[in-house]
Every structure is written in C-alpha cells, then in structure tokens.
Amino acid sequence: MEQLGSFFTENKFLSLIVVVILLFFVVKIVKSLVKMAVVVAIIALIMVVFFDFKPQEVVDKGTYLAKTGTGLIEESFKPVFLNTFNYFIKRENGDTIIKIDSLDMKYNLTELIEQINPNEQSEDT
C-alpha cells in the first residue's frame, strides 16, 4: 500500500485521473441512494395506507435498516479509507476544496464534477 501511495505521489496526473474517477463513482452512488430512498418512502407510504401498518412500525423498521447499513460501512469501508488517505474537505470562498495530504494535492470539487460530464450536470438540476 505504501508503494501505491508513493506511485501516486510521483505521478500527479495519474493521481488526478484516479481522484476524478473516484468522484464520478461517488456522485453516481449518491444519486442511486437518493433514488432508492424515494422508492423506500413510497413503499412505506403504501404499507401505512393499504396494509394497516402503524407509522411508528414503519419508522422502526427503517431505523433498524439504517443502523445496520451504517454499522456495515463503519466496520468495513471507513477504516480502510481513512488509513489509506490523509485528507480533509473544507469550504473556501463558497467552493468545496478537497486536499489530500498524502498525495500533496488540492482540488476544487465543483470544477472536478463539471469536468467529468458538464452536460449531465445541467440535465440533473
């Protein structure tokens, strides 16, 4: 893993490409999660209206599902990601800036997302 870090430190352009690809996938995952949340909300509404579930029962089932997913992410993905990259995200002059210390890189999130696919950004909003 240390060799991979030093490889990306030496090849700035390649590491930029990897970061852009990762951001592209993160945006796609977030979009799919929002779509999934809408579907779950519709299913919950159907459960309450047509199948005589109590709203609190549906909320409890959703809370249990959310806690299970959060636990899974915190146990598996988060430790690996935090140990691999030393990074932070901050707001500067209204822009979201991602700085990765281990790769000595600094990126403007808005510019990176627009570079991925500017036409898709205008269609989704």
C-alpha atoms as a PDB file:
ATOM      1  CA  MET A   1       0.000   0.000   0.000  1.00  0.00           C
ATOM      2  CA  GLU A   2       2.916   2.304   0.696  1.00  0.00           C
ATOM      3  CA  GLN A   3       4.254   1.669  -2.816  1.00  0.00           C
ATOM      4  CA  LEU A   4       0.880   2.655  -4.261  1.00  0.00           C
ATOM      5  CA  GLY A   5       0.932   5.903  -2.284  1.00  0.00           C
ATOM      6  CA  SER A   6       4.438   6.761  -3.460  1.00  0.00           C
ATOM      7  CA  PHE A   7       3.489   5.880  -7.053  1.00  0.00           C
ATOM      8  CA  PHE A   8       0.591   8.352  -6.995  1.00  0.00           C
ATOM      9  CA  THR A   9       2.744  10.964  -5.263  1.00  0.00           C
ATOM     10  CA  GLU A  10       5.260  10.779  -8.098  1.00  0.00           C
ATOM     11  CA  ASN A  11       2.626  10.728 -10.877  1.00  0.00           C
ATOM     12  CA  LYS A  12       0.391  13.728 -10.221  1.00  0.00           C
ATOM     13  CA  PHE A  13      -1.563  13.462 -13.481  1.00  0.00           C
ATOM     14  CA  LEU A  14      -2.391   9.810 -12.904  1.00  0.00           C
ATOM     15  CA  SER A  15      -3.497  10.515  -9.347  1.00  0.00           C
ATOM     16  CA  LEU A  16      -5.734  13.326 -10.633  1.00  0.00           C
ATOM     17  CA  ILE A  17      -7.361  10.889 -13.044  1.00  0.00           C
ATOM     18  CA  VAL A  18      -7.916   8.381 -10.228  1.00  0.00           C
ATOM     19  CA  VAL A  19      -9.453  11.062  -7.989  1.00  0.00           C
ATOM     20  CA  VAL A  20     -11.776  12.211 -10.790  1.00  0.00           C
ATOM     21  CA  ILE A  21     -12.872   8.630 -11.451  1.00  0.00           C
ATOM     22  CA  LEU A  22     -13.477   8.053  -7.743  1.00  0.00           C
ATOM     23  CA  LEU A  23     -15.512  11.261  -7.506  1.00  0.00           C
ATOM     24  CA  PHE A  24     -17.531  10.179 -10.537  1.00  0.00           C
ATOM     25  CA  PHE A  25     -18.404   6.907  -8.827  1.00  0.00           C
ATOM     26  CA  VAL A  26     -19.212   8.658  -5.552  1.00  0.00           C
ATOM     27  CA  VAL A  27     -21.629  11.002  -7.352  1.00  0.00           C
ATOM     28  CA  LYS A  28     -23.272   8.038  -9.075  1.00  0.00           C
ATOM     29  CA  ILE A  29     -23.609   6.177  -5.777  1.00  0.00           C
ATOM     30  CA  VAL A  30     -25.175   9.197  -4.058  1.00  0.00           C
ATOM     31  CA  LYS A  31     -27.646   9.625  -6.914  1.00  0.00           C
ATOM     32  CA  SER A  32     -28.628   5.973  -6.710  1.00  0.00           C
ATOM     33  CA  LEU A  33     -29.046   6.231  -2.934  1.00  0.00           C
ATOM     34  CA  VAL A  34     -31.408   9.177  -3.353  1.00  0.00           C
ATOM     35  CA  LYS A  35     -33.455   7.215  -5.887  1.00  0.00           C
ATOM     36  CA  MET A  36     -33.530   4.245  -3.532  1.00  0.00           C
ATOM     37  CA  ALA A  37     -34.694   6.471  -0.657  1.00  0.00           C
ATOM     38  CA  VAL A  38     -37.615   7.701  -2.767  1.00  0.00           C
ATOM     39  CA  VAL A  39     -38.628   4.114  -3.555  1.00  0.00           C
ATOM     40  CA  VAL A  40     -38.406   3.171   0.135  1.00  0.00           C
ATOM     41  CA  ALA A  41     -40.547   6.174   1.074  1.00  0.00           C
ATOM     42  CA  ILE A  42     -43.196   5.135  -1.447  1.00  0.00           C
ATOM     43  CA  ILE A  43     -43.154   1.559  -0.122  1.00  0.00           C
ATOM     44  CA  ALA A  44     -43.522   2.876   3.437  1.00  0.00           C
ATOM     45  CA  LEU A  45     -46.471   5.014   2.387  1.00  0.00           C
ATOM     46  CA  ILE A  46     -48.126   2.007   0.737  1.00  0.00           C
ATOM     47  CA  MET A  47     -47.527  -0.069   3.877  1.00  0.00           C
ATOM     48  CA  VAL A  48     -49.244   2.536   6.055  1.00  0.00           C
ATOM     49  CA  VAL A  49     -52.159   3.325   3.731  1.00  0.00           C
ATOM     50  CA  PHE A  50     -53.052  -0.059   2.276  1.00  0.00           C
ATOM     51  CA  PHE A  51     -51.672  -2.706   4.664  1.00  0.00           C
ATOM     52  CA  ASP A  52     -52.627  -1.103   8.007  1.00  0.00           C
ATOM     53  CA  PHE A  53     -49.125  -0.835   9.417  1.00  0.00           C
ATOM     54  CA  LYS A  54     -48.712   1.799  12.081  1.00  0.00           C
ATOM     55  CA  PRO A  55     -46.418   4.655  11.052  1.00  0.00           C
ATOM     56  CA  GLN A  56     -44.214   4.007  14.088  1.00  0.00           C
ATOM     57  CA  GLU A  57     -43.695   0.392  13.000  1.00  0.00           C
ATOM     58  CA  VAL A  58     -42.519   1.545   9.589  1.00  0.00           C
ATOM     59  CA  VAL A  59     -40.212   4.137  11.162  1.00  0.00           C
ATOM     60  CA  ASP A  60     -38.759   1.489  13.493  1.00  0.00           C
ATOM     61  CA  LYS A  61     -38.083  -0.873  10.586  1.00  0.00           C
ATOM     62  CA  GLY A  62     -36.406   1.961   8.656  1.00  0.00           C
ATOM     63  CA  THR A  63     -34.305   2.946  11.655  1.00  0.00           C
ATOM     64  CA  TYR A  64     -33.130  -0.630  12.104  1.00  0.00           C
ATOM     65  CA  LEU A  65     -32.216  -0.842   8.410  1.00  0.00           C
ATOM     66  CA  ALA A  66     -30.309   2.457   8.536  1.00  0.00           C
ATOM     67  CA  LYS A  67     -28.364   1.437  11.659  1.00  0.00           C
ATOM     68  CA  THR A  68     -27.423  -1.869  10.070  1.00  0.00           C
ATOM     69  CA  GLY A  69     -26.129  -0.122   6.907  1.00  0.00           C
ATOM     70  CA  THR A  70     -24.225   2.476   8.901  1.00  0.00           C
ATOM     71  CA  GLY A  71     -22.605  -0.202  11.022  1.00  0.00           C
ATOM     72  CA  LEU A  72     -21.552  -2.130   7.949  1.00  0.00           C
ATOM     73  CA  ILE A  73     -19.922   0.931   6.378  1.00  0.00           C
ATOM     74  CA  GLU A  74     -18.183   1.974   9.586  1.00  0.00           C
ATOM     75  CA  GLU A  75     -16.789  -1.514  10.176  1.00  0.00           C
ATOM     76  CA  SER A  76     -15.541  -2.264   6.671  1.00  0.00           C
ATOM     77  CA  PHE A  77     -15.094   0.729   4.366  1.00  0.00           C
ATOM     78  CA  LYS A  78     -14.325   3.659   6.635  1.00  0.00           C
ATOM     79  CA  PRO A  79     -11.213   2.263   8.417  1.00  0.00           C
ATOM     80  CA  VAL A  80      -9.618   1.245   5.122  1.00  0.00           C
ATOM     81  CA  PHE A  81     -10.294   4.639   3.512  1.00  0.00           C
ATOM     82  CA  LEU A  82      -9.132   6.694   6.492  1.00  0.00           C
ATOM     83  CA  ASN A  83      -5.924   4.679   6.879  1.00  0.00           C
ATOM     84  CA  THR A  84      -5.086   4.955   3.181  1.00  0.00           C
ATOM     85  CA  PHE A  85      -5.556   8.687   2.590  1.00  0.00           C
ATOM     86  CA  ASN A  86      -4.863  11.627   4.846  1.00  0.00           C
ATOM     87  CA  TYR A  87      -7.392  14.123   3.510  1.00  0.00           C
ATOM     88  CA  PHE A  88      -9.782  16.859   4.529  1.00  0.00           C
ATOM     89  CA  ILE A  89     -12.664  18.713   2.947  1.00  0.00           C
ATOM     90  CA  LYS A  90     -13.295  22.392   3.609  1.00  0.00           C
ATOM     91  CA  ARG A  91     -15.173  25.365   2.202  1.00  0.00           C
ATOM     92  CA  GLU A  92     -13.182  28.289   0.769  1.00  0.00           C
ATOM     93  CA  ASN A  93     -14.923  31.277  -0.821  1.00  0.00           C
ATOM     94  CA  GLY A  94     -18.081  29.238  -1.397  1.00  0.00           C
ATOM     95  CA  ASP A  95     -16.187  26.369  -3.076  1.00  0.00           C
ATOM     96  CA  THR A  96     -15.668  22.892  -1.667  1.00  0.00           C
ATOM     97  CA  ILE A  97     -11.961  22.089  -1.580  1.00  0.00           C
ATOM     98  CA  ILE A  98     -10.576  18.572  -1.148  1.00  0.00           C
ATOM     99  CA  LYS A  99      -6.965  18.402  -0.007  1.00  0.00           C
ATOM    100  CA  ILE A 100      -5.162  15.051   0.082  1.00  0.00           C
ATOM    101  CA  ASP A 101      -2.030  15.478   2.189  1.00  0.00           C
ATOM    102  CA  SER A 102      -0.560  12.060   1.460  1.00  0.00           C
ATOM    103  CA  LEU A 103      -0.591  12.833  -2.275  1.00  0.00           C
ATOM    104  CA  ASP A 104       0.154  16.557  -1.810  1.00  0.00           C
ATOM    105  CA  MET A 105      -2.877  17.521  -3.926  1.00  0.00           C
ATOM    106  CA  LYS A 106      -5.656  20.109  -3.696  1.00  0.00           C
ATOM    107  CA  TYR A 107      -8.841  20.033  -5.797  1.00  0.00           C
ATOM    108  CA  ASN A 108     -11.931  22.159  -6.264  1.00  0.00           C
ATOM    109  CA  LEU A 109     -14.855  19.718  -6.098  1.00  0.00           C
ATOM    110  CA  THR A 110     -17.175  21.774  -8.308  1.00  0.00           C
ATOM    111  CA  GLU A 111     -14.619  22.009 -11.107  1.00  0.00           C
ATOM    112  CA  LEU A 112     -13.866  18.288 -10.932  1.00  0.00           C
ATOM    113  CA  ILE A 113     -17.532  17.321 -11.178  1.00  0.00           C
ATOM    114  CA  GLU A 114     -18.079  19.709 -14.097  1.00  0.00           C
ATOM    115  CA  GLN A 115     -15.078  18.189 -15.885  1.00  0.00           C
ATOM    116  CA  ILE A 116     -16.493  14.678 -15.522  1.00  0.00           C
ATOM    117  CA  ASN A 117     -19.575  15.437 -17.599  1.00  0.00           C
ATOM    118  CA  PRO A 118     -20.823  19.032 -17.906  1.00  0.00           C
ATOM    119  CA  ASN A 119     -23.935  18.037 -19.892  1.00  0.00           C
ATOM    120  CA  GLU A 120     -25.120  15.589 -17.235  1.00  0.00           C
ATOM    121  CA  GLN A 121     -24.860  18.236 -14.513  1.00  0.00           C
ATOM    122  CA  SER A 122     -27.231  20.587 -16.320  1.00  0.00           C
ATOM    123  CA  GLU A 123     -29.745  17.810 -17.040  1.00  0.00           C
ATOM    124  CA  ASP A 124     -29.956  16.614 -13.430  1.00  0.00           C
ATOM    125  CA  THR A 125     -30.637  20.010 -11.868  1.00  0.00           C
END
